[in-house]
Amino acid sequence: MEAEQRRMIAAHQEQQRAQAIMTHAGPALVDMIRKYDVQGRPAVTSNVERDFTEALPGATPEEFRTALEHLKASGIVHELTSSTQGFMGERTTHLYVLEG
């Protein structure tokens, strides 16, 4: 019984955390991606991540990735892998806003 209660509390806390990310970080991330689009520049994921961590005090790369994954799962943002390989075989990804 106690283990089930802890599991339910943990699930509720995770849901609240996800909501907080989508409430604050999600819209900020979408705005950052749109800024690149308005400038006619590709929204390279690593550049957007840098912008995200600089613009939001205390934001971490993990929070960026979490917010991005939530936006992708919600169908708001799409991450597209480039067909060319970059430094040491690393693939570049670009972000696109799908809604509105």
Protein backbone atom coordinates (compact mmCIF):
# COMPACT_ATOMS: atom_id res chain seq x y z
CA MET A 1 0.00 0.00 0.00
CA GLU A 2 2.77 2.45 0.95
CA ALA A 3 4.74 1.69 -2.24
CA GLU A 4 1.64 2.39 -4.32
CA GLN A 5 1.14 5.71 -2.53
CA ARG A 6 4.76 6.72 -3.21
CA ARG A 7 4.34 5.76 -6.88
CA MET A 8 1.18 7.87 -7.16
CA ILE A 9 2.88 10.85 -5.48
CA ALA A 10 5.90 10.53 -7.79
CA ALA A 11 3.62 10.33 -10.84
CA HIS A 12 1.72 13.43 -9.68
CA GLN A 13 4.95 15.35 -9.08
CA GLU A 14 6.22 14.42 -12.55
CA GLN A 15 2.94 15.59 -14.07
CA GLN A 16 3.20 18.92 -12.23
CA ARG A 17 6.81 19.32 -13.37
CA ALA A 18 5.81 18.63 -16.97
CA GLN A 19 3.04 21.21 -16.71
CA ALA A 20 5.47 23.80 -15.32
CA ILE A 21 7.87 23.14 -18.18
CA MET A 22 5.14 23.52 -20.77
CA THR A 23 3.76 26.63 -19.07
CA HIS A 24 7.03 28.55 -19.01
CA ALA A 25 9.82 26.85 -20.93
CA GLY A 26 7.66 25.52 -23.76
CA PRO A 27 6.40 28.91 -25.01
CA ALA A 28 9.89 30.41 -24.61
CA LEU A 29 11.36 27.60 -26.69
CA VAL A 30 8.74 28.03 -29.42
CA ASP A 31 9.49 31.78 -29.52
CA MET A 32 13.21 31.08 -29.88
CA ILE A 33 12.62 28.71 -32.80
CA ARG A 34 10.29 31.22 -34.48
CA LYS A 35 12.94 33.95 -34.12
CA TYR A 36 15.31 31.90 -36.25
CA ASP A 37 12.57 31.38 -38.83
CA VAL A 38 11.78 35.11 -38.99
CA GLN A 39 15.49 35.80 -39.54
CA GLY A 40 15.56 33.24 -42.35
CA ARG A 41 18.09 31.11 -40.47
CA PRO A 42 17.80 27.43 -39.61
CA ALA A 43 17.02 26.72 -35.96
CA VAL A 44 19.92 24.35 -35.29
CA THR A 45 19.10 22.45 -32.11
CA SER A 46 22.46 23.13 -30.43
CA ASN A 47 22.10 26.89 -31.08
CA VAL A 48 18.54 26.94 -29.72
CA GLU A 49 19.72 25.01 -26.65
CA ARG A 50 22.43 27.61 -26.03
CA ASP A 51 19.87 30.43 -26.43
CA PHE A 52 17.49 28.62 -24.06
CA THR A 53 20.05 28.19 -21.28
CA GLU A 54 21.21 31.80 -21.66
CA ALA A 55 17.71 33.31 -21.75
CA LEU A 56 16.21 31.38 -18.84
CA PRO A 57 18.19 31.86 -15.62
CA GLY A 58 19.07 28.53 -14.05
CA ALA A 59 17.84 26.51 -17.04
CA THR A 60 19.87 23.39 -17.77
CA PRO A 61 20.45 21.45 -21.00
CA GLU A 62 18.37 18.65 -19.46
CA GLU A 63 15.43 21.03 -19.01
CA PHE A 64 15.86 22.15 -22.62
CA ARG A 65 15.74 18.53 -23.78
CA THR A 66 12.71 17.80 -21.55
CA ALA A 67 10.82 20.85 -22.85
CA LEU A 68 11.74 19.92 -26.42
CA GLU A 69 10.57 16.33 -25.95
CA HIS A 70 7.23 17.54 -24.52
CA LEU A 71 6.77 19.94 -27.45
CA LYS A 72 7.61 17.17 -29.92
CA ALA A 73 5.22 14.73 -28.21
CA SER A 74 2.49 17.39 -28.33
CA GLY A 75 3.00 17.91 -32.06
CA ILE A 76 4.05 21.54 -31.65
CA VAL A 77 7.69 21.17 -32.69
CA HIS A 78 9.41 18.82 -35.14
CA GLU A 79 13.11 17.94 -34.96
CA LEU A 80 14.61 17.03 -38.31
CA THR A 81 18.01 15.36 -38.67
CA SER A 82 20.24 16.73 -41.42
CA SER A 83 21.30 14.29 -44.11
CA THR A 84 24.92 15.39 -43.78
CA GLN A 85 27.29 14.49 -41.00
CA GLY A 86 29.10 17.11 -39.03
CA PHE A 87 32.16 17.02 -36.84
CA MET A 88 33.25 13.45 -36.00
CA GLY A 89 30.11 11.99 -37.59
CA GLU A 90 27.75 13.99 -35.40
CA ARG A 91 24.43 14.72 -37.02
CA THR A 92 22.97 18.22 -37.00
CA THR A 93 19.29 18.61 -36.17
CA HIS A 94 16.97 21.52 -36.97
CA LEU A 95 13.80 22.54 -35.15
CA TYR A 96 10.54 23.61 -36.79
CA VAL A 97 7.33 24.91 -35.22
CA LEU A 98 4.38 22.99 -36.68
CA GLU A 99 1.43 24.94 -35.30
CA GLY A 100 0.12 28.40 -36.05
